[in-house]
Amino acid sequence: MIEVIALRRSWAQPGEPLCWVVDAKGRYLFEVSGRDATGAPKKGFASRLAGGLGGAALEALDAATGGSDANYQDSPAGVVTGGQPDCQSASLVDVYRRHGGRAVWVLTDRRLALVEVSDPEPPAGASESLFSRARRLGAGLLSGGDDGQAAAEEAVEDEPAVPEVRPLQEWPRSIAAGFEAVARKLGREYRGGTRHFLKIQFTDGSALEIGPSEDDSDGLRLAAMSYGRA
């Protein structure tokens, strides 16, 4: 996962290991009191939810859901459970729903974070190909000689473009009470049957299940990585 390289270079603090990085992009299934399956507030709970988010944010969330009916094809990007409409798990996913786009969930020994990921851009006024050639030429000159330039060109050709990362929200790791692998049988509105997730249990009793996979070993591996055992 190329995002891991970018996170280690420009986001992680010195000596801060990444436990895992999980794709956040997609729609989330809500099983939260006071919200429907898409995360929109149910009648009678809208004013309470708006009080915590603000009216503009609530309107943005409503627009993002595209209505009150879940419309998933495959497994959701995550499952949100909780006993209150403004529980910790729902509030965390609301951050992603307000921003959307390409992002990842990141766990370290210190933080749980939602980080935006975007493709790198070449300098203004230069095409990407021109920028790449300039990098190759500079690398060759620094290494010295035709042989150095050829080696540098080959190395740069093989080097993947590292995306840019920007934190959207960060929380102390202590917000999570535990991690475990869980299996969930999806309903008829989904293609496929059982999916395996990493379940993050929060201190208020709510939970977020992420990293859907058909293979149960993936959830087990993520759970072990959460505790630094893999």
C-alpha atoms as a PDB file:
ATOM      1  CA  MET A   1       0.000   0.000   0.000  1.00  0.00           C
ATOM      2  CA  ILE A   2       1.736   3.134  -1.253  1.00  0.00           C
ATOM      3  CA  GLU A   3      -0.110   5.250   1.341  1.00  0.00           C
ATOM      4  CA  VAL A   4       1.977   3.602   4.059  1.00  0.00           C
ATOM      5  CA  ILE A   5       5.165   5.076   2.586  1.00  0.00           C
ATOM      6  CA  ALA A   6       3.621   8.546   2.450  1.00  0.00           C
ATOM      7  CA  LEU A   7       2.334   8.299   6.025  1.00  0.00           C
ATOM      8  CA  ARG A   8       5.716   7.217   7.335  1.00  0.00           C
ATOM      9  CA  ARG A   9       7.489  10.025   5.491  1.00  0.00           C
ATOM     10  CA  SER A  10       5.265  12.990   6.237  1.00  0.00           C
ATOM     11  CA  TRP A  11       2.672  12.171   8.902  1.00  0.00           C
ATOM     12  CA  ALA A  12       4.010   9.756  11.525  1.00  0.00           C
ATOM     13  CA  GLN A  13       5.908  11.225  14.448  1.00  0.00           C
ATOM     14  CA  PRO A  14       9.483  10.108  15.188  1.00  0.00           C
ATOM     15  CA  GLY A  15       9.428   6.616  16.625  1.00  0.00           C
ATOM     16  CA  GLU A  16       5.689   6.191  15.982  1.00  0.00           C
ATOM     17  CA  PRO A  17       4.971   2.816  14.346  1.00  0.00           C
ATOM     18  CA  LEU A  18       1.953   2.314  12.092  1.00  0.00           C
ATOM     19  CA  CYS A  19      -0.133  -0.619  13.300  1.00  0.00           C
ATOM     20  CA  TRP A  20      -2.325  -0.684  10.183  1.00  0.00           C
ATOM     21  CA  VAL A  21      -3.734   1.447   7.386  1.00  0.00           C
ATOM     22  CA  VAL A  22      -7.266   0.649   6.142  1.00  0.00           C
ATOM     23  CA  ASP A  23      -9.105   2.195   3.204  1.00  0.00           C
ATOM     24  CA  ALA A  24     -11.926   4.483   4.386  1.00  0.00           C
ATOM     25  CA  LYS A  25     -13.504   5.193   1.007  1.00  0.00           C
ATOM     26  CA  GLY A  26     -17.068   4.004   0.449  1.00  0.00           C
ATOM     27  CA  ARG A  27     -20.488   3.981   2.046  1.00  0.00           C
ATOM     28  CA  TYR A  28     -21.087   2.940   5.629  1.00  0.00           C
ATOM     29  CA  LEU A  29     -23.925   0.875   7.034  1.00  0.00           C
ATOM     30  CA  PHE A  30     -25.366   2.351  10.234  1.00  0.00           C
ATOM     31  CA  GLU A  31     -26.960   0.306  12.986  1.00  0.00           C
ATOM     32  CA  VAL A  32     -27.189   3.260  15.338  1.00  0.00           C
ATOM     33  CA  SER A  33     -30.142   4.308  17.465  1.00  0.00           C
ATOM     34  CA  GLY A  34     -31.717   7.445  16.016  1.00  0.00           C
ATOM     35  CA  ARG A  35     -30.244   6.985  12.530  1.00  0.00           C
ATOM     36  CA  ASP A  36     -31.315   5.043   9.474  1.00  0.00           C
ATOM     37  CA  ALA A  37     -29.096   2.612   7.564  1.00  0.00           C
ATOM     38  CA  THR A  38     -27.360   5.414   5.666  1.00  0.00           C
ATOM     39  CA  GLY A  39     -26.611   7.450   8.793  1.00  0.00           C
ATOM     40  CA  ALA A  40     -29.300  10.070   8.222  1.00  0.00           C
ATOM     41  CA  PRO A  41     -31.149  11.078  11.409  1.00  0.00           C
ATOM     42  CA  LYS A  42     -34.540   9.502  11.995  1.00  0.00           C
ATOM     43  CA  LYS A  43     -37.542  11.703  12.683  1.00  0.00           C
ATOM     44  CA  GLY A  44     -37.374  13.071  16.195  1.00  0.00           C
ATOM     45  CA  PHE A  45     -33.582  12.813  16.390  1.00  0.00           C
ATOM     46  CA  ALA A  46     -32.658  15.366  13.720  1.00  0.00           C
ATOM     47  CA  SER A  47     -32.593  18.365  16.051  1.00  0.00           C
ATOM     48  CA  ARG A  48     -30.418  16.547  18.566  1.00  0.00           C
ATOM     49  CA  LEU A  49     -27.931  15.472  15.911  1.00  0.00           C
ATOM     50  CA  ALA A  50     -27.896  18.940  14.368  1.00  0.00           C
ATOM     51  CA  GLY A  51     -27.046  20.411  17.747  1.00  0.00           C
ATOM     52  CA  GLY A  52     -23.790  18.461  17.768  1.00  0.00           C
ATOM     53  CA  LEU A  53     -22.882  18.846  14.099  1.00  0.00           C
ATOM     54  CA  GLY A  54     -24.292  22.219  13.176  1.00  0.00           C
ATOM     55  CA  GLY A  55     -27.018  22.786  10.612  1.00  0.00           C
ATOM     56  CA  ALA A  56     -24.714  23.067   7.602  1.00  0.00           C
ATOM     57  CA  ALA A  57     -22.891  19.873   8.492  1.00  0.00           C
ATOM     58  CA  LEU A  58     -26.182  18.029   8.942  1.00  0.00           C
ATOM     59  CA  GLU A  59     -27.356  19.168   5.503  1.00  0.00           C
ATOM     60  CA  ALA A  60     -24.075  17.955   4.003  1.00  0.00           C
ATOM     61  CA  LEU A  61     -24.536  14.552   5.614  1.00  0.00           C
ATOM     62  CA  ASP A  62     -28.099  14.285   4.332  1.00  0.00           C
ATOM     63  CA  ALA A  63     -26.944  15.123   0.816  1.00  0.00           C
ATOM     64  CA  ALA A  64     -24.121  12.587   1.003  1.00  0.00           C
ATOM     65  CA  THR A  65     -26.492   9.743   1.851  1.00  0.00           C
ATOM     66  CA  GLY A  66     -28.618  10.334  -1.239  1.00  0.00           C
ATOM     67  CA  GLY A  67     -31.846   9.499   0.563  1.00  0.00           C
ATOM     68  CA  SER A  68     -32.988   7.293   3.399  1.00  0.00           C
ATOM     69  CA  ASP A  69     -32.700   3.892   1.679  1.00  0.00           C
ATOM     70  CA  ALA A  70     -29.443   1.941   1.731  1.00  0.00           C
ATOM     71  CA  ASN A  71     -28.258   1.253  -1.814  1.00  0.00           C
ATOM     72  CA  TYR A  72     -25.202  -0.953  -1.568  1.00  0.00           C
ATOM     73  CA  GLN A  73     -23.970  -3.391  -4.207  1.00  0.00           C
ATOM     74  CA  ASP A  74     -21.113  -5.125  -2.453  1.00  0.00           C
ATOM     75  CA  SER A  75     -20.085  -5.028   1.186  1.00  0.00           C
ATOM     76  CA  PRO A  76     -20.070  -1.601   2.875  1.00  0.00           C
ATOM     77  CA  ALA A  77     -16.782   0.111   3.628  1.00  0.00           C
ATOM     78  CA  GLY A  78     -17.678  -0.212   7.292  1.00  0.00           C
ATOM     79  CA  VAL A  79     -20.465  -0.888   9.759  1.00  0.00           C
ATOM     80  CA  VAL A  80     -21.282   1.597  12.510  1.00  0.00           C
ATOM     81  CA  THR A  81     -23.091   0.447  15.655  1.00  0.00           C
ATOM     82  CA  GLY A  82     -24.133   2.394  18.732  1.00  0.00           C
ATOM     83  CA  GLY A  83     -26.894   3.231  21.166  1.00  0.00           C
ATOM     84  CA  GLN A  84     -26.916   7.005  20.611  1.00  0.00           C
ATOM     85  CA  PRO A  85     -27.080   9.025  17.363  1.00  0.00           C
ATOM     86  CA  ASP A  86     -24.002  11.014  18.398  1.00  0.00           C
ATOM     87  CA  CYS A  87     -21.987   8.046  19.711  1.00  0.00           C
ATOM     88  CA  GLN A  88     -18.238   7.933  19.177  1.00  0.00           C
ATOM     89  CA  SER A  89     -18.286   5.542  16.219  1.00  0.00           C
ATOM     90  CA  ALA A  90     -20.939   7.543  14.351  1.00  0.00           C
ATOM     91  CA  SER A  91     -19.142  10.808  15.056  1.00  0.00           C
ATOM     92  CA  LEU A  92     -15.898   9.411  13.646  1.00  0.00           C
ATOM     93  CA  VAL A  93     -17.561   8.234  10.440  1.00  0.00           C
ATOM     94  CA  ASP A  94     -19.360  11.578  10.124  1.00  0.00           C
ATOM     95  CA  VAL A  95     -15.940  13.183   9.720  1.00  0.00           C
ATOM     96  CA  TYR A  96     -15.329  11.041   6.641  1.00  0.00           C
ATOM     97  CA  ARG A  97     -18.859  11.602   5.323  1.00  0.00           C
ATOM     98  CA  ARG A  98     -18.380  15.365   5.484  1.00  0.00           C
ATOM     99  CA  HIS A  99     -15.163  15.183   3.466  1.00  0.00           C
ATOM    100  CA  GLY A 100     -15.630  12.102   1.275  1.00  0.00           C
ATOM    101  CA  GLY A 101     -13.087  11.202  -1.369  1.00  0.00           C
ATOM    102  CA  ARG A 102      -9.979   9.112  -0.906  1.00  0.00           C
ATOM    103  CA  ALA A 103      -8.941   8.610   2.702  1.00  0.00           C
ATOM    104  CA  VAL A 104      -7.585   5.984   5.066  1.00  0.00           C
ATOM    105  CA  TRP A 105      -8.070   5.009   8.699  1.00  0.00           C
ATOM    106  CA  VAL A 106      -4.716   4.795  10.490  1.00  0.00           C
ATOM    107  CA  LEU A 107      -3.873   3.269  13.862  1.00  0.00           C
ATOM    108  CA  THR A 108      -0.558   3.823  15.620  1.00  0.00           C
ATOM    109  CA  ASP A 109       0.582   3.160  19.168  1.00  0.00           C
ATOM    110  CA  ARG A 110      -0.545   6.728  19.949  1.00  0.00           C
ATOM    111  CA  ARG A 111      -3.369   7.745  17.613  1.00  0.00           C
ATOM    112  CA  LEU A 112      -6.386   6.712  15.616  1.00  0.00           C
ATOM    113  CA  ALA A 113      -6.679   9.016  12.624  1.00  0.00           C
ATOM    114  CA  LEU A 114      -8.557   9.690   9.420  1.00  0.00           C
ATOM    115  CA  VAL A 115      -6.126  10.904   6.763  1.00  0.00           C
ATOM    116  CA  GLU A 116      -6.922  12.306   3.331  1.00  0.00           C
ATOM    117  CA  VAL A 117      -4.893  10.934   0.434  1.00  0.00           C
ATOM    118  CA  SER A 118      -4.317  12.753  -2.850  1.00  0.00           C
ATOM    119  CA  ASP A 119      -2.083  12.221  -5.863  1.00  0.00           C
ATOM    120  CA  PRO A 120       1.111  14.309  -5.984  1.00  0.00           C
ATOM    121  CA  GLU A 121       1.221  17.230  -8.393  1.00  0.00           C
ATOM    122  CA  PRO A 122       4.247  18.377 -10.435  1.00  0.00           C
ATOM    123  CA  PRO A 123       5.461  21.968  -9.991  1.00  0.00           C
ATOM    124  CA  ALA A 124       3.245  24.650 -11.509  1.00  0.00           C
ATOM    125  CA  GLY A 125       3.973  25.258 -15.184  1.00  0.00           C
ATOM    126  CA  ALA A 126       5.650  21.905 -15.743  1.00  0.00           C
ATOM    127  CA  SER A 127       4.080  18.836 -17.238  1.00  0.00           C
ATOM    128  CA  GLU A 128       4.353  15.602 -15.314  1.00  0.00           C
ATOM    129  CA  SER A 129       6.622  14.078 -17.951  1.00  0.00           C
ATOM    130  CA  LEU A 130       8.900  17.124 -17.943  1.00  0.00           C
ATOM    131  CA  PHE A 131       9.050  17.036 -14.151  1.00  0.00           C
ATOM    132  CA  SER A 132       9.984  13.338 -14.246  1.00  0.00           C
ATOM    133  CA  ARG A 133      12.751  13.964 -16.795  1.00  0.00           C
ATOM    134  CA  ALA A 134      14.153  16.774 -14.671  1.00  0.00           C
ATOM    135  CA  ARG A 135      14.229  14.531 -11.629  1.00  0.00           C
ATOM    136  CA  ARG A 136      16.038  11.823 -13.574  1.00  0.00           C
ATOM    137  CA  LEU A 137      18.580  14.257 -14.974  1.00  0.00           C
ATOM    138  CA  GLY A 138      19.254  15.761 -11.556  1.00  0.00           C
ATOM    139  CA  ALA A 139      19.678  12.338  -9.985  1.00  0.00           C
ATOM    140  CA  GLY A 140      22.123  11.362 -12.745  1.00  0.00           C
ATOM    141  CA  LEU A 141      24.211  14.490 -12.340  1.00  0.00           C
ATOM    142  CA  LEU A 142      24.433  14.030  -8.590  1.00  0.00           C
ATOM    143  CA  SER A 143      25.595  10.429  -8.913  1.00  0.00           C
ATOM    144  CA  GLY A 144      28.152  11.397 -11.575  1.00  0.00           C
ATOM    145  CA  GLY A 145      28.794  10.210 -15.112  1.00  0.00           C
ATOM    146  CA  ASP A 146      26.751   8.455 -17.752  1.00  0.00           C
ATOM    147  CA  ASP A 147      26.612   5.279 -15.713  1.00  0.00           C
ATOM    148  CA  GLY A 148      25.253   7.175 -12.715  1.00  0.00           C
ATOM    149  CA  GLN A 149      22.658   8.943 -14.823  1.00  0.00           C
ATOM    150  CA  ALA A 150      21.495   5.685 -16.408  1.00  0.00           C
ATOM    151  CA  ALA A 151      21.201   4.015 -13.014  1.00  0.00           C
ATOM    152  CA  ALA A 152      19.321   6.984 -11.619  1.00  0.00           C
ATOM    153  CA  GLU A 153      16.915   7.019 -14.556  1.00  0.00           C
ATOM    154  CA  GLU A 154      16.199   3.327 -14.066  1.00  0.00           C
ATOM    155  CA  ALA A 155      15.704   3.796 -10.312  1.00  0.00           C
ATOM    156  CA  VAL A 156      13.335   6.734 -10.742  1.00  0.00           C
ATOM    157  CA  GLU A 157      11.354   4.866 -13.383  1.00  0.00           C
ATOM    158  CA  ASP A 158      10.805   2.069 -10.859  1.00  0.00           C
ATOM    159  CA  GLU A 159      10.014   4.398  -7.946  1.00  0.00           C
ATOM    160  CA  PRO A 160       6.259   4.797  -7.413  1.00  0.00           C
ATOM    161  CA  ALA A 161       4.810   8.274  -7.084  1.00  0.00           C
ATOM    162  CA  VAL A 162       4.112   8.786  -3.397  1.00  0.00           C
ATOM    163  CA  PRO A 163       0.696  10.372  -2.679  1.00  0.00           C
ATOM    164  CA  GLU A 164       0.234  13.400  -0.472  1.00  0.00           C
ATOM    165  CA  VAL A 165      -1.483  12.944   2.889  1.00  0.00           C
ATOM    166  CA  ARG A 166      -3.345  15.404   5.098  1.00  0.00           C
ATOM    167  CA  PRO A 167      -4.924  14.561   8.465  1.00  0.00           C
ATOM    168  CA  LEU A 168      -8.660  15.221   8.603  1.00  0.00           C
ATOM    169  CA  GLN A 169      -9.093  14.251  12.249  1.00  0.00           C
ATOM    170  CA  GLU A 170      -7.024  12.581  14.952  1.00  0.00           C
ATOM    171  CA  TRP A 171      -8.046  10.999  18.245  1.00  0.00           C
ATOM    172  CA  PRO A 172      -5.975   9.523  21.085  1.00  0.00           C
ATOM    173  CA  ARG A 173      -5.649   5.761  20.842  1.00  0.00           C
ATOM    174  CA  SER A 174      -7.319   5.540  24.254  1.00  0.00           C
ATOM    175  CA  ILE A 175     -10.671   6.232  22.547  1.00  0.00           C
ATOM    176  CA  ALA A 176     -10.570   2.579  21.464  1.00  0.00           C
ATOM    177  CA  ALA A 177     -11.394   0.044  24.182  1.00  0.00           C
ATOM    178  CA  GLY A 178     -10.450  -3.005  22.106  1.00  0.00           C
ATOM    179  CA  PHE A 179     -10.013  -4.650  18.716  1.00  0.00           C
ATOM    180  CA  GLU A 180     -11.291  -7.986  17.422  1.00  0.00           C
ATOM    181  CA  ALA A 181     -12.082  -9.828  14.206  1.00  0.00           C
ATOM    182  CA  VAL A 182     -15.791 -10.344  13.523  1.00  0.00           C
ATOM    183  CA  ALA A 183     -17.884 -12.021  10.844  1.00  0.00           C
ATOM    184  CA  ARG A 184     -21.057 -10.356   9.583  1.00  0.00           C
ATOM    185  CA  LYS A 185     -23.717 -11.908   7.389  1.00  0.00           C
ATOM    186  CA  LEU A 186     -24.913  -9.199   5.008  1.00  0.00           C
ATOM    187  CA  GLY A 187     -28.524  -8.763   3.982  1.00  0.00           C
ATOM    188  CA  ARG A 188     -30.195  -9.433   0.651  1.00  0.00           C
ATOM    189  CA  GLU A 189     -29.447  -5.910  -0.598  1.00  0.00           C
ATOM    190  CA  TYR A 190     -25.788  -6.890  -0.902  1.00  0.00           C
ATOM    191  CA  ARG A 191     -24.036  -9.160  -3.353  1.00  0.00           C
ATOM    192  CA  GLY A 192     -22.277 -11.915  -1.535  1.00  0.00           C
ATOM    193  CA  GLY A 193     -22.790 -13.366   1.916  1.00  0.00           C
ATOM    194  CA  THR A 194     -20.574 -13.210   4.977  1.00  0.00           C
ATOM    195  CA  ARG A 195     -17.820 -10.609   5.255  1.00  0.00           C
ATOM    196  CA  HIS A 196     -15.077 -10.386   7.854  1.00  0.00           C
ATOM    197  CA  PHE A 197     -14.192  -7.081   9.522  1.00  0.00           C
ATOM    198  CA  LEU A 198     -11.888  -5.588  12.107  1.00  0.00           C
ATOM    199  CA  LYS A 199     -14.126  -4.341  14.914  1.00  0.00           C
ATOM    200  CA  ILE A 200     -12.975  -1.296  16.880  1.00  0.00           C
ATOM    201  CA  GLN A 201     -14.827  -1.085  20.196  1.00  0.00           C
ATOM    202  CA  PHE A 202     -15.011   2.422  21.639  1.00  0.00           C
ATOM    203  CA  THR A 203     -15.154   3.519  25.257  1.00  0.00           C
ATOM    204  CA  ASP A 204     -18.824   4.539  25.051  1.00  0.00           C
ATOM    205  CA  GLY A 205     -19.885   1.056  23.904  1.00  0.00           C
ATOM    206  CA  SER A 206     -20.261   1.917  20.220  1.00  0.00           C
ATOM    207  CA  ALA A 207     -18.200   0.184  17.541  1.00  0.00           C
ATOM    208  CA  LEU A 208     -16.858   0.571  14.015  1.00  0.00           C
ATOM    209  CA  GLU A 209     -16.209  -2.422  11.759  1.00  0.00           C
ATOM    210  CA  ILE A 210     -13.798  -1.734   8.881  1.00  0.00           C
ATOM    211  CA  GLY A 211     -11.674  -3.581   6.317  1.00  0.00           C
ATOM    212  CA  PRO A 212     -14.305  -5.910   4.785  1.00  0.00           C
ATOM    213  CA  SER A 213     -12.884  -9.133   3.387  1.00  0.00           C
ATOM    214  CA  GLU A 214     -14.100 -12.520   2.230  1.00  0.00           C
ATOM    215  CA  ASP A 215     -11.160 -14.124   4.048  1.00  0.00           C
ATOM    216  CA  ASP A 216     -11.429 -14.466   7.826  1.00  0.00           C
ATOM    217  CA  SER A 217      -7.637 -14.368   8.145  1.00  0.00           C
ATOM    218  CA  ASP A 218      -7.610 -10.693   7.128  1.00  0.00           C
ATOM    219  CA  GLY A 219      -9.696  -9.638  10.125  1.00  0.00           C
ATOM    220  CA  LEU A 220      -7.597 -11.777  12.447  1.00  0.00           C
ATOM    221  CA  ARG A 221      -4.404 -10.269  11.069  1.00  0.00           C
ATOM    222  CA  LEU A 222      -5.688  -6.705  11.549  1.00  0.00           C
ATOM    223  CA  ALA A 223      -6.724  -7.492  15.118  1.00  0.00           C
ATOM    224  CA  ALA A 224      -3.243  -8.865  15.858  1.00  0.00           C
ATOM    225  CA  MET A 225      -1.616  -5.837  14.212  1.00  0.00           C
ATOM    226  CA  SER A 226      -3.709  -3.559  16.447  1.00  0.00           C
ATOM    227  CA  TYR A 227      -1.843  -4.973  19.430  1.00  0.00           C
ATOM    228  CA  GLY A 228       1.547  -5.083  17.697  1.00  0.00           C
ATOM    229  CA  ARG A 229       1.512  -8.863  17.352  1.00  0.00           C
ATOM    230  CA  ALA A 230       1.875  -9.109  13.589  1.00  0.00           C
END
